[in-house]
């Protein structure tokens, strides 16, 4: 029998089951006994049946798709690495992904989510900070946030505070006389705000002189480069002889700083020690591998999918019982001491 012409009627006739039983097998396997499931699976193999995905979606209302809302994508190494990890989970979970980047515009993100809902996505992963979690929780599908405000939704994040403590302590162990933090001036609701808190607390605890360079969030590599160049020139002007330790909020910005120094000196002078945060590929593949605090991006992505897929599966049950309490999973960071602090 030609594989593209096998119908539910053919399967029912082959197994001596009703078409209703066959339909239940595809749309709600738990409603069919294990013995009958085995008989139907044998029939599918012998008939060389291939699933019609579109027909299945129309019949069940389940698209096997998950939506992803990113803040930005093209210059930010952390978000590129995270998206790559999320997309690579298809063989394990069987879910396809539809990805949108909001670029910080709440109306655009609302429009994108409505588009995703029209395509019957079964769940949503949000890395953007733009929409409040209370609004996200009001949608009809499970939502998991990654490294964002999460009061009303499930979430996964890195241990930002302990990770930043490790980074700052490493610079102190390098006998730096003055420490600096370069990063975005983020609201306290965003998890990575804890990096600057940890930097200040650690410097105070060790009684080390320090300074913060905070800037507004920007959406391009060029804007970040200009900001970091301005910060570096100010550091060089005011501290021309001291050994300086610079903790940069993320690996992308740490790489920008490293390039600025290399272009000026042709090397990384011993009086500059640099560490970033994320352990994105750029930190390992740079001309001089950059010290960083690893977020375990692969673990964060897998944990987010575990939570989301479990919620999706629960809602498909005849008597769903979604989690009564929100899940907020924190992944332990790992310090990577490389050549910029060696």
C-alpha atoms as a PDB file:
ATOM      1  CA  UNK A   1       0.000   0.000   0.000  1.00  0.00           C
ATOM      2  CA  UNK A   2       1.472   3.404  -1.001  1.00  0.00           C
ATOM      3  CA  UNK A   3       2.574   5.208   2.133  1.00  0.00           C
ATOM      4  CA  UNK A   4       0.942   8.522   1.234  1.00  0.00           C
ATOM      5  CA  UNK A   5      -2.470   6.894   0.832  1.00  0.00           C
ATOM      6  CA  UNK A   6      -2.715   5.063   4.153  1.00  0.00           C
ATOM      7  CA  UNK A   7      -5.749   6.422   6.012  1.00  0.00           C
ATOM      8  CA  UNK A   8      -7.345   5.868   9.409  1.00  0.00           C
ATOM      9  CA  UNK A   9      -9.865   3.640   7.630  1.00  0.00           C
ATOM     10  CA  UNK A  10      -7.027   1.474   6.280  1.00  0.00           C
ATOM     11  CA  UNK A  11      -5.514   1.142   9.736  1.00  0.00           C
ATOM     12  CA  UNK A  12      -8.906   0.357  11.287  1.00  0.00           C
ATOM     13  CA  UNK A  13      -9.586  -2.332   8.686  1.00  0.00           C
ATOM     14  CA  UNK A  14      -6.114  -3.851   9.150  1.00  0.00           C
ATOM     15  CA  UNK A  15      -6.426  -4.008  12.959  1.00  0.00           C
ATOM     16  CA  UNK A  16     -10.195  -4.731  13.103  1.00  0.00           C
ATOM     17  CA  UNK A  17     -10.569  -1.665  15.352  1.00  0.00           C
ATOM     18  CA  UNK A  18     -12.991   1.200  14.811  1.00  0.00           C
ATOM     19  CA  UNK A  19     -11.840   4.488  13.272  1.00  0.00           C
ATOM     20  CA  UNK A  20     -12.691   6.108  16.627  1.00  0.00           C
ATOM     21  CA  UNK A  21     -10.154   3.876  18.374  1.00  0.00           C
ATOM     22  CA  UNK A  22      -7.493   4.739  15.794  1.00  0.00           C
ATOM     23  CA  UNK A  23      -8.232   8.452  16.212  1.00  0.00           C
ATOM     24  CA  UNK A  24      -7.962   8.127  19.996  1.00  0.00           C
ATOM     25  CA  UNK A  25      -4.575   6.413  19.594  1.00  0.00           C
ATOM     26  CA  UNK A  26      -3.178   9.401  17.687  1.00  0.00           C
ATOM     27  CA  UNK A  27      -4.800  12.160  19.729  1.00  0.00           C
ATOM     28  CA  UNK A  28      -4.856  10.656  23.222  1.00  0.00           C
ATOM     29  CA  UNK A  29      -2.768   7.441  23.433  1.00  0.00           C
ATOM     30  CA  UNK A  30      -3.414   7.060  27.181  1.00  0.00           C
ATOM     31  CA  UNK A  31      -7.069   6.321  26.401  1.00  0.00           C
ATOM     32  CA  UNK A  32      -6.075   3.159  24.476  1.00  0.00           C
ATOM     33  CA  UNK A  33      -4.930   0.004  26.281  1.00  0.00           C
ATOM     34  CA  UNK A  34      -1.263  -0.935  26.034  1.00  0.00           C
ATOM     35  CA  UNK A  35      -2.191  -4.138  24.199  1.00  0.00           C
ATOM     36  CA  UNK A  36      -4.168  -2.239  21.571  1.00  0.00           C
ATOM     37  CA  UNK A  37      -1.433   0.405  21.281  1.00  0.00           C
ATOM     38  CA  UNK A  38       1.039  -2.366  20.443  1.00  0.00           C
ATOM     39  CA  UNK A  39      -1.312  -3.807  17.779  1.00  0.00           C
ATOM     40  CA  UNK A  40      -1.776  -0.394  16.163  1.00  0.00           C
ATOM     41  CA  UNK A  41       1.976   0.315  16.212  1.00  0.00           C
ATOM     42  CA  UNK A  42       2.605  -3.026  14.479  1.00  0.00           C
ATOM     43  CA  UNK A  43       0.011  -2.160  11.845  1.00  0.00           C
ATOM     44  CA  UNK A  44       1.601   1.248  11.231  1.00  0.00           C
ATOM     45  CA  UNK A  45       4.962  -0.385  10.558  1.00  0.00           C
ATOM     46  CA  UNK A  46       3.535  -3.055   8.265  1.00  0.00           C
ATOM     47  CA  UNK A  47       1.464  -0.512   6.329  1.00  0.00           C
ATOM     48  CA  UNK A  48       4.477   1.862   6.171  1.00  0.00           C
ATOM     49  CA  UNK A  49       2.308   4.665   7.525  1.00  0.00           C
ATOM     50  CA  UNK A  50       3.762   8.202   7.566  1.00  0.00           C
ATOM     51  CA  UNK A  51       2.138  10.809   9.794  1.00  0.00           C
ATOM     52  CA  UNK A  52       0.474  13.758   8.149  1.00  0.00           C
ATOM     53  CA  UNK A  53       1.702  16.568  10.406  1.00  0.00           C
ATOM     54  CA  UNK A  54      -0.786  19.152   9.166  1.00  0.00           C
ATOM     55  CA  UNK A  55      -3.711  16.789   9.621  1.00  0.00           C
ATOM     56  CA  UNK A  56      -2.504  15.920  13.103  1.00  0.00           C
ATOM     57  CA  UNK A  57      -2.300  19.596  14.096  1.00  0.00           C
ATOM     58  CA  UNK A  58      -5.790  20.247  12.764  1.00  0.00           C
ATOM     59  CA  UNK A  59      -7.196  17.207  14.543  1.00  0.00           C
ATOM     60  CA  UNK A  60      -5.480  17.639  17.906  1.00  0.00           C
ATOM     61  CA  UNK A  61      -4.839  21.371  18.134  1.00  0.00           C
ATOM     62  CA  UNK A  62      -1.232  20.594  19.142  1.00  0.00           C
ATOM     63  CA  UNK A  63       1.359  22.192  16.863  1.00  0.00           C
ATOM     64  CA  UNK A  64       4.480  20.691  18.500  1.00  0.00           C
ATOM     65  CA  UNK A  65       5.917  24.229  18.304  1.00  0.00           C
ATOM     66  CA  UNK A  66       7.354  26.501  20.996  1.00  0.00           C
ATOM     67  CA  UNK A  67       7.753  30.263  20.646  1.00  0.00           C
ATOM     68  CA  UNK A  68      10.913  32.111  21.701  1.00  0.00           C
ATOM     69  CA  UNK A  69      11.080  35.852  22.340  1.00  0.00           C
ATOM     70  CA  UNK A  70      14.641  37.205  22.247  1.00  0.00           C
ATOM     71  CA  UNK A  71      15.684  40.756  23.201  1.00  0.00           C
ATOM     72  CA  UNK A  72      18.247  40.944  20.383  1.00  0.00           C
ATOM     73  CA  UNK A  73      20.393  38.440  18.547  1.00  0.00           C
ATOM     74  CA  UNK A  74      23.049  39.387  16.090  1.00  0.00           C
ATOM     75  CA  UNK A  75      25.830  41.013  18.139  1.00  0.00           C
ATOM     76  CA  UNK A  76      25.188  39.517  21.582  1.00  0.00           C
ATOM     77  CA  UNK A  77      27.147  36.287  22.033  1.00  0.00           C
ATOM     78  CA  UNK A  78      25.235  35.109  25.113  1.00  0.00           C
ATOM     79  CA  UNK A  79      21.836  35.217  23.429  1.00  0.00           C
ATOM     80  CA  UNK A  80      23.198  33.625  20.252  1.00  0.00           C
ATOM     81  CA  UNK A  81      24.699  30.787  22.316  1.00  0.00           C
ATOM     82  CA  UNK A  82      21.468  30.362  24.302  1.00  0.00           C
ATOM     83  CA  UNK A  83      19.344  30.251  21.159  1.00  0.00           C
ATOM     84  CA  UNK A  84      21.680  27.656  19.642  1.00  0.00           C
ATOM     85  CA  UNK A  85      21.295  25.469  22.736  1.00  0.00           C
ATOM     86  CA  UNK A  86      17.506  25.788  22.704  1.00  0.00           C
ATOM     87  CA  UNK A  87      17.264  24.891  19.017  1.00  0.00           C
ATOM     88  CA  UNK A  88      19.551  21.893  19.482  1.00  0.00           C
ATOM     89  CA  UNK A  89      17.039  20.244  21.855  1.00  0.00           C
ATOM     90  CA  UNK A  90      14.723  19.168  19.008  1.00  0.00           C
ATOM     91  CA  UNK A  91      16.039  15.552  18.889  1.00  0.00           C
ATOM     92  CA  UNK A  92      15.399  15.178  22.645  1.00  0.00           C
ATOM     93  CA  UNK A  93      12.001  16.848  22.976  1.00  0.00           C
ATOM     94  CA  UNK A  94      10.517  16.836  19.461  1.00  0.00           C
ATOM     95  CA  UNK A  95       9.445  20.474  19.616  1.00  0.00           C
ATOM     96  CA  UNK A  96      10.133  22.924  16.800  1.00  0.00           C
ATOM     97  CA  UNK A  97      10.738  26.624  17.470  1.00  0.00           C
ATOM     98  CA  UNK A  98       9.501  29.951  16.144  1.00  0.00           C
ATOM     99  CA  UNK A  99      11.847  32.810  17.094  1.00  0.00           C
ATOM    100  CA  UNK A 100      11.171  36.552  17.267  1.00  0.00           C
ATOM    101  CA  UNK A 101      13.399  39.410  18.464  1.00  0.00           C
ATOM    102  CA  UNK A 102      11.604  42.314  20.105  1.00  0.00           C
ATOM    103  CA  UNK A 103      14.502  44.812  20.376  1.00  0.00           C
ATOM    104  CA  UNK A 104      13.027  46.257  23.558  1.00  0.00           C
ATOM    105  CA  UNK A 105       9.692  47.367  22.063  1.00  0.00           C
ATOM    106  CA  UNK A 106       6.737  46.115  24.111  1.00  0.00           C
ATOM    107  CA  UNK A 107       4.128  46.666  21.386  1.00  0.00           C
ATOM    108  CA  UNK A 108       6.238  44.697  18.920  1.00  0.00           C
ATOM    109  CA  UNK A 109       6.586  41.825  21.376  1.00  0.00           C
ATOM    110  CA  UNK A 110       2.843  41.784  22.040  1.00  0.00           C
ATOM    111  CA  UNK A 111       2.239  41.583  18.301  1.00  0.00           C
ATOM    112  CA  UNK A 112       4.729  38.729  17.972  1.00  0.00           C
ATOM    113  CA  UNK A 113       3.121  36.758  20.798  1.00  0.00           C
ATOM    114  CA  UNK A 114      -0.305  37.125  19.166  1.00  0.00           C
ATOM    115  CA  UNK A 115       1.279  35.809  15.968  1.00  0.00           C
ATOM    116  CA  UNK A 116       2.704  32.836  17.854  1.00  0.00           C
ATOM    117  CA  UNK A 117      -0.665  32.108  19.466  1.00  0.00           C
ATOM    118  CA  UNK A 118      -2.303  32.189  16.014  1.00  0.00           C
ATOM    119  CA  UNK A 119       0.155  29.464  14.976  1.00  0.00           C
ATOM    120  CA  UNK A 120      -0.950  27.399  18.008  1.00  0.00           C
ATOM    121  CA  UNK A 121       2.425  27.298  19.751  1.00  0.00           C
ATOM    122  CA  UNK A 122       2.161  25.135  22.848  1.00  0.00           C
ATOM    123  CA  UNK A 123       4.518  27.093  25.079  1.00  0.00           C
ATOM    124  CA  UNK A 124       6.668  30.189  25.258  1.00  0.00           C
ATOM    125  CA  UNK A 125      10.287  30.851  26.314  1.00  0.00           C
ATOM    126  CA  UNK A 126      11.049  34.512  26.982  1.00  0.00           C
ATOM    127  CA  UNK A 127      14.551  35.965  27.312  1.00  0.00           C
ATOM    128  CA  UNK A 128      13.506  39.569  26.691  1.00  0.00           C
ATOM    129  CA  UNK A 129      13.033  41.857  29.703  1.00  0.00           C
ATOM    130  CA  UNK A 130      10.443  44.090  28.052  1.00  0.00           C
ATOM    131  CA  UNK A 131       7.107  42.561  29.028  1.00  0.00           C
ATOM    132  CA  UNK A 132       6.274  42.171  32.743  1.00  0.00           C
ATOM    133  CA  UNK A 133       5.849  38.594  33.907  1.00  0.00           C
ATOM    134  CA  UNK A 134       2.322  39.371  35.121  1.00  0.00           C
ATOM    135  CA  UNK A 135       1.269  40.058  31.538  1.00  0.00           C
ATOM    136  CA  UNK A 136       3.064  36.967  30.228  1.00  0.00           C
ATOM    137  CA  UNK A 137       1.290  34.826  32.826  1.00  0.00           C
ATOM    138  CA  UNK A 138      -2.052  35.980  31.424  1.00  0.00           C
ATOM    139  CA  UNK A 139      -1.605  34.104  28.160  1.00  0.00           C
ATOM    140  CA  UNK A 140      -3.269  30.737  27.655  1.00  0.00           C
ATOM    141  CA  UNK A 141      -0.037  28.730  27.328  1.00  0.00           C
ATOM    142  CA  UNK A 142       2.830  27.806  29.689  1.00  0.00           C
ATOM    143  CA  UNK A 143       5.632  30.376  29.867  1.00  0.00           C
ATOM    144  CA  UNK A 144       9.219  30.013  31.113  1.00  0.00           C
ATOM    145  CA  UNK A 145      11.553  32.980  31.470  1.00  0.00           C
ATOM    146  CA  UNK A 146      15.334  32.797  31.176  1.00  0.00           C
ATOM    147  CA  UNK A 147      17.429  35.365  33.067  1.00  0.00           C
ATOM    148  CA  UNK A 148      14.607  37.877  33.430  1.00  0.00           C
ATOM    149  CA  UNK A 149      12.017  39.212  35.907  1.00  0.00           C
ATOM    150  CA  UNK A 150       9.943  36.195  36.927  1.00  0.00           C
ATOM    151  CA  UNK A 151       7.511  37.021  39.728  1.00  0.00           C
ATOM    152  CA  UNK A 152       4.526  35.459  37.916  1.00  0.00           C
ATOM    153  CA  UNK A 153       6.109  32.835  35.621  1.00  0.00           C
ATOM    154  CA  UNK A 154       8.416  29.826  35.851  1.00  0.00           C
ATOM    155  CA  UNK A 155      12.061  30.705  35.280  1.00  0.00           C
ATOM    156  CA  UNK A 156      15.664  29.574  35.007  1.00  0.00           C
ATOM    157  CA  UNK A 157      18.632  31.791  35.760  1.00  0.00           C
ATOM    158  CA  UNK A 158      22.306  31.680  36.617  1.00  0.00           C
ATOM    159  CA  UNK A 159      23.632  32.308  40.114  1.00  0.00           C
ATOM    160  CA  UNK A 160      24.536  35.903  39.267  1.00  0.00           C
ATOM    161  CA  UNK A 161      25.521  37.025  42.751  1.00  0.00           C
ATOM    162  CA  UNK A 162      27.867  34.131  43.669  1.00  0.00           C
ATOM    163  CA  UNK A 163      29.269  34.141  40.138  1.00  0.00           C
ATOM    164  CA  UNK A 164      30.120  37.842  40.327  1.00  0.00           C
ATOM    165  CA  UNK A 165      31.697  37.309  43.745  1.00  0.00           C
ATOM    166  CA  UNK A 166      33.988  34.685  42.185  1.00  0.00           C
ATOM    167  CA  UNK A 167      34.939  37.070  39.373  1.00  0.00           C
ATOM    168  CA  UNK A 168      35.724  39.938  41.739  1.00  0.00           C
ATOM    169  CA  UNK A 169      37.696  37.737  44.118  1.00  0.00           C
ATOM    170  CA  UNK A 170      39.816  36.473  41.211  1.00  0.00           C
ATOM    171  CA  UNK A 171      40.810  40.050  40.339  1.00  0.00           C
ATOM    172  CA  UNK A 172      41.675  40.660  43.999  1.00  0.00           C
ATOM    173  CA  UNK A 173      43.797  37.496  44.031  1.00  0.00           C
ATOM    174  CA  UNK A 174      45.655  38.957  41.008  1.00  0.00           C
ATOM    175  CA  UNK A 175      46.773  41.783  43.357  1.00  0.00           C
ATOM    176  CA  UNK A 176      44.920  44.472  41.429  1.00  0.00           C
ATOM    177  CA  UNK A 177      45.131  47.836  43.160  1.00  0.00           C
ATOM    178  CA  UNK A 178      41.945  49.287  41.705  1.00  0.00           C
ATOM    179  CA  UNK A 179      38.875  47.385  40.500  1.00  0.00           C
ATOM    180  CA  UNK A 180      36.288  48.481  37.946  1.00  0.00           C
ATOM    181  CA  UNK A 181      32.885  47.221  36.887  1.00  0.00           C
ATOM    182  CA  UNK A 182      31.628  47.991  33.361  1.00  0.00           C
ATOM    183  CA  UNK A 183      28.022  47.140  32.538  1.00  0.00           C
ATOM    184  CA  UNK A 184      24.444  48.230  32.020  1.00  0.00           C
ATOM    185  CA  UNK A 185      22.567  50.158  34.689  1.00  0.00           C
ATOM    186  CA  UNK A 186      19.847  47.555  35.157  1.00  0.00           C
ATOM    187  CA  UNK A 187      16.784  47.671  37.426  1.00  0.00           C
ATOM    188  CA  UNK A 188      16.859  45.399  40.476  1.00  0.00           C
ATOM    189  CA  UNK A 189      14.108  43.201  38.974  1.00  0.00           C
ATOM    190  CA  UNK A 190      16.512  41.894  36.305  1.00  0.00           C
ATOM    191  CA  UNK A 191      18.682  39.017  37.650  1.00  0.00           C
ATOM    192  CA  UNK A 192      21.986  40.261  36.197  1.00  0.00           C
ATOM    193  CA  UNK A 193      21.626  43.394  38.353  1.00  0.00           C
ATOM    194  CA  UNK A 194      23.009  41.142  41.070  1.00  0.00           C
ATOM    195  CA  UNK A 195      26.412  41.122  39.337  1.00  0.00           C
ATOM    196  CA  UNK A 196      27.036  44.779  40.158  1.00  0.00           C
ATOM    197  CA  UNK A 197      25.729  44.263  43.694  1.00  0.00           C
ATOM    198  CA  UNK A 198      28.129  41.367  44.228  1.00  0.00           C
ATOM    199  CA  UNK A 199      31.032  43.390  42.803  1.00  0.00           C
ATOM    200  CA  UNK A 200      30.438  46.246  45.250  1.00  0.00           C
ATOM    201  CA  UNK A 201      29.851  43.950  48.218  1.00  0.00           C
ATOM    202  CA  UNK A 202      33.015  41.933  47.507  1.00  0.00           C
ATOM    203  CA  UNK A 203      35.160  45.057  47.093  1.00  0.00           C
ATOM    204  CA  UNK A 204      33.789  46.438  50.365  1.00  0.00           C
ATOM    205  CA  UNK A 205      34.389  43.138  52.148  1.00  0.00           C
ATOM    206  CA  UNK A 206      38.026  43.036  51.039  1.00  0.00           C
ATOM    207  CA  UNK A 207      38.386  46.830  51.414  1.00  0.00           C
ATOM    208  CA  UNK A 208      39.545  47.252  47.819  1.00  0.00           C
ATOM    209  CA  UNK A 209      39.239  50.594  46.012  1.00  0.00           C
ATOM    210  CA  UNK A 210      36.720  50.345  43.169  1.00  0.00           C
ATOM    211  CA  UNK A 211      34.613  52.276  40.662  1.00  0.00           C
ATOM    212  CA  UNK A 212      31.465  51.499  38.645  1.00  0.00           C
ATOM    213  CA  UNK A 213      30.974  52.463  34.996  1.00  0.00           C
ATOM    214  CA  UNK A 214      27.265  52.002  34.289  1.00  0.00           C
ATOM    215  CA  UNK A 215      25.535  52.770  30.996  1.00  0.00           C
ATOM    216  CA  UNK A 216      22.099  52.428  29.470  1.00  0.00           C
ATOM    217  CA  UNK A 217      21.269  49.297  27.483  1.00  0.00           C
ATOM    218  CA  UNK A 218      22.020  49.607  23.767  1.00  0.00           C
ATOM    219  CA  UNK A 219      21.233  47.353  20.808  1.00  0.00           C
ATOM    220  CA  UNK A 220      24.330  47.392  18.628  1.00  0.00           C
ATOM    221  CA  UNK A 221      27.958  46.362  18.748  1.00  0.00           C
ATOM    222  CA  UNK A 222      29.063  49.834  17.662  1.00  0.00           C
ATOM    223  CA  UNK A 223      27.232  51.588  20.508  1.00  0.00           C
ATOM    224  CA  UNK A 224      28.774  49.193  23.026  1.00  0.00           C
ATOM    225  CA  UNK A 225      32.231  49.740  21.543  1.00  0.00           C
ATOM    226  CA  UNK A 226      31.905  53.525  21.832  1.00  0.00           C
ATOM    227  CA  UNK A 227      30.787  53.289  25.469  1.00  0.00           C
ATOM    228  CA  UNK A 228      33.578  50.912  26.465  1.00  0.00           C
ATOM    229  CA  UNK A 229      36.185  53.000  24.620  1.00  0.00           C
ATOM    230  CA  UNK A 230      35.070  56.034  26.629  1.00  0.00           C
ATOM    231  CA  UNK A 231      35.299  54.021  29.877  1.00  0.00           C
ATOM    232  CA  UNK A 232      38.778  52.718  28.985  1.00  0.00           C
ATOM    233  CA  UNK A 233      40.132  56.167  28.125  1.00  0.00           C
ATOM    234  CA  UNK A 234      38.874  57.477  31.454  1.00  0.00           C
ATOM    235  CA  UNK A 235      40.523  54.575  33.320  1.00  0.00           C
ATOM    236  CA  UNK A 236      43.858  55.102  31.540  1.00  0.00           C
ATOM    237  CA  UNK A 237      43.792  58.848  32.140  1.00  0.00           C
ATOM    238  CA  UNK A 238      43.098  58.622  35.872  1.00  0.00           C
ATOM    239  CA  UNK A 239      45.046  55.448  36.742  1.00  0.00           C
ATOM    240  CA  UNK A 240      48.175  55.428  34.500  1.00  0.00           C
ATOM    241  CA  UNK A 241      50.432  53.283  36.696  1.00  0.00           C
ATOM    242  CA  UNK A 242      48.280  51.089  38.991  1.00  0.00           C
ATOM    243  CA  UNK A 243      47.526  47.423  38.353  1.00  0.00           C
ATOM    244  CA  UNK A 244      43.897  47.435  37.280  1.00  0.00           C
ATOM    245  CA  UNK A 245      41.244  44.712  37.461  1.00  0.00           C
ATOM    246  CA  UNK A 246      38.213  45.133  35.195  1.00  0.00           C
ATOM    247  CA  UNK A 247      35.063  43.028  35.599  1.00  0.00           C
ATOM    248  CA  UNK A 248      32.906  43.439  32.496  1.00  0.00           C
ATOM    249  CA  UNK A 249      29.231  42.503  32.701  1.00  0.00           C
ATOM    250  CA  UNK A 250      29.299  40.007  29.821  1.00  0.00           C
ATOM    251  CA  UNK A 251      31.719  38.306  27.448  1.00  0.00           C
ATOM    252  CA  UNK A 252      30.745  40.389  24.422  1.00  0.00           C
ATOM    253  CA  UNK A 253      31.725  43.596  26.193  1.00  0.00           C
ATOM    254  CA  UNK A 254      34.829  41.977  27.711  1.00  0.00           C
ATOM    255  CA  UNK A 255      35.932  41.033  24.191  1.00  0.00           C
ATOM    256  CA  UNK A 256      35.377  44.607  23.004  1.00  0.00           C
ATOM    257  CA  UNK A 257      37.553  45.897  25.855  1.00  0.00           C
ATOM    258  CA  UNK A 258      40.262  43.333  25.121  1.00  0.00           C
ATOM    259  CA  UNK A 259      40.327  44.369  21.436  1.00  0.00           C
ATOM    260  CA  UNK A 260      40.657  48.038  22.387  1.00  0.00           C
ATOM    261  CA  UNK A 261      43.691  47.245  24.561  1.00  0.00           C
ATOM    262  CA  UNK A 262      45.278  44.924  21.974  1.00  0.00           C
ATOM    263  CA  UNK A 263      44.947  47.528  19.230  1.00  0.00           C
ATOM    264  CA  UNK A 264      46.679  50.114  21.396  1.00  0.00           C
ATOM    265  CA  UNK A 265      49.469  47.980  22.860  1.00  0.00           C
ATOM    266  CA  UNK A 266      49.711  44.957  20.558  1.00  0.00           C
ATOM    267  CA  UNK A 267      49.411  42.775  23.654  1.00  0.00           C
ATOM    268  CA  UNK A 268      47.614  42.649  26.999  1.00  0.00           C
ATOM    269  CA  UNK A 269      49.888  44.508  29.454  1.00  0.00           C
ATOM    270  CA  UNK A 270      50.318  42.808  32.827  1.00  0.00           C
ATOM    271  CA  UNK A 271      48.802  45.789  34.599  1.00  0.00           C
ATOM    272  CA  UNK A 272      45.399  45.045  33.034  1.00  0.00           C
ATOM    273  CA  UNK A 273      43.436  42.027  34.259  1.00  0.00           C
ATOM    274  CA  UNK A 274      40.029  41.336  32.647  1.00  0.00           C
ATOM    275  CA  UNK A 275      37.156  38.981  33.388  1.00  0.00           C
ATOM    276  CA  UNK A 276      33.732  38.670  31.754  1.00  0.00           C
ATOM    277  CA  UNK A 277      30.549  36.708  32.455  1.00  0.00           C
ATOM    278  CA  UNK A 278      28.698  33.987  30.463  1.00  0.00           C
ATOM    279  CA  UNK A 279      31.372  31.631  29.040  1.00  0.00           C
ATOM    280  CA  UNK A 280      29.960  32.237  25.573  1.00  0.00           C
ATOM    281  CA  UNK A 281      32.104  30.927  22.664  1.00  0.00           C
ATOM    282  CA  UNK A 282      33.796  34.288  22.091  1.00  0.00           C
ATOM    283  CA  UNK A 283      35.505  34.069  25.498  1.00  0.00           C
ATOM    284  CA  UNK A 284      37.168  30.778  24.542  1.00  0.00           C
ATOM    285  CA  UNK A 285      37.949  31.569  20.905  1.00  0.00           C
ATOM    286  CA  UNK A 286      39.402  35.057  21.315  1.00  0.00           C
ATOM    287  CA  UNK A 287      43.029  35.698  20.314  1.00  0.00           C
ATOM    288  CA  UNK A 288      43.671  35.788  24.057  1.00  0.00           C
ATOM    289  CA  UNK A 289      41.144  33.477  25.774  1.00  0.00           C
ATOM    290  CA  UNK A 290      39.215  35.594  28.264  1.00  0.00           C
ATOM    291  CA  UNK A 291      38.551  34.665  31.871  1.00  0.00           C
ATOM    292  CA  UNK A 292      34.853  34.452  32.595  1.00  0.00           C
ATOM    293  CA  UNK A 293      32.130  33.099  34.839  1.00  0.00           C
ATOM    294  CA  UNK A 294      30.310  30.303  33.037  1.00  0.00           C
ATOM    295  CA  UNK A 295      26.528  30.327  33.189  1.00  0.00           C
ATOM    296  CA  UNK A 296      26.323  26.711  31.961  1.00  0.00           C
ATOM    297  CA  UNK A 297      24.197  27.864  29.040  1.00  0.00           C
ATOM    298  CA  UNK A 298      23.491  24.289  27.936  1.00  0.00           C
ATOM    299  CA  UNK A 299      22.165  23.388  31.392  1.00  0.00           C
ATOM    300  CA  UNK A 300      19.991  26.501  31.547  1.00  0.00           C
ATOM    301  CA  UNK A 301      18.477  25.731  28.120  1.00  0.00           C
ATOM    302  CA  UNK A 302      17.774  22.093  29.006  1.00  0.00           C
ATOM    303  CA  UNK A 303      16.278  23.012  32.380  1.00  0.00           C
ATOM    304  CA  UNK A 304      13.979  25.579  30.758  1.00  0.00           C
ATOM    305  CA  UNK A 305      12.784  22.971  28.238  1.00  0.00           C
ATOM    306  CA  UNK A 306      12.269  20.381  31.007  1.00  0.00           C
ATOM    307  CA  UNK A 307      10.014  22.776  32.910  1.00  0.00           C
ATOM    308  CA  UNK A 308       8.103  23.953  29.843  1.00  0.00           C
ATOM    309  CA  UNK A 309       7.572  20.506  28.294  1.00  0.00           C
ATOM    310  CA  UNK A 310       6.346  19.131  31.642  1.00  0.00           C
ATOM    311  CA  UNK A 311       3.783  21.946  31.853  1.00  0.00           C
ATOM    312  CA  UNK A 312       2.690  21.365  28.253  1.00  0.00           C
ATOM    313  CA  UNK A 313       2.275  17.628  28.873  1.00  0.00           C
ATOM    314  CA  UNK A 314       0.255  18.278  32.015  1.00  0.00           C
ATOM    315  CA  UNK A 315      -2.174  20.544  30.177  1.00  0.00           C
ATOM    316  CA  UNK A 316      -2.770  17.854  27.547  1.00  0.00           C
ATOM    317  CA  UNK A 317      -4.091  15.394  30.124  1.00  0.00           C
ATOM    318  CA  UNK A 318      -7.786  14.731  30.419  1.00  0.00           C
ATOM    319  CA  UNK A 319      -7.665  16.122  33.971  1.00  0.00           C
ATOM    320  CA  UNK A 320      -4.727  18.556  33.990  1.00  0.00           C
ATOM    321  CA  UNK A 321      -3.124  19.558  37.258  1.00  0.00           C
ATOM    322  CA  UNK A 322      -0.595  22.338  36.508  1.00  0.00           C
ATOM    323  CA  UNK A 323       2.051  23.252  39.085  1.00  0.00           C
ATOM    324  CA  UNK A 324       0.486  25.095  42.006  1.00  0.00           C
ATOM    325  CA  UNK A 325       3.771  26.842  42.782  1.00  0.00           C
ATOM    326  CA  UNK A 326       6.097  28.607  40.381  1.00  0.00           C
ATOM    327  CA  UNK A 327       9.449  26.992  39.660  1.00  0.00           C
ATOM    328  CA  UNK A 328      12.489  29.283  39.888  1.00  0.00           C
ATOM    329  CA  UNK A 329      15.594  27.240  39.099  1.00  0.00           C
ATOM    330  CA  UNK A 330      19.054  28.717  39.744  1.00  0.00           C
ATOM    331  CA  UNK A 331      22.005  27.116  37.937  1.00  0.00           C
ATOM    332  CA  UNK A 332      25.395  27.177  39.692  1.00  0.00           C
ATOM    333  CA  UNK A 333      28.001  29.286  37.825  1.00  0.00           C
ATOM    334  CA  UNK A 334      31.535  28.047  37.137  1.00  0.00           C
ATOM    335  CA  UNK A 335      34.690  30.208  37.207  1.00  0.00           C
ATOM    336  CA  UNK A 336      37.014  29.881  34.184  1.00  0.00           C
ATOM    337  CA  UNK A 337      40.456  31.342  34.887  1.00  0.00           C
ATOM    338  CA  UNK A 338      42.092  31.975  31.506  1.00  0.00           C
ATOM    339  CA  UNK A 339      44.904  34.113  30.138  1.00  0.00           C
ATOM    340  CA  UNK A 340      43.432  37.544  30.956  1.00  0.00           C
ATOM    341  CA  UNK A 341      43.754  36.833  34.699  1.00  0.00           C
ATOM    342  CA  UNK A 342      46.607  34.321  34.629  1.00  0.00           C
END
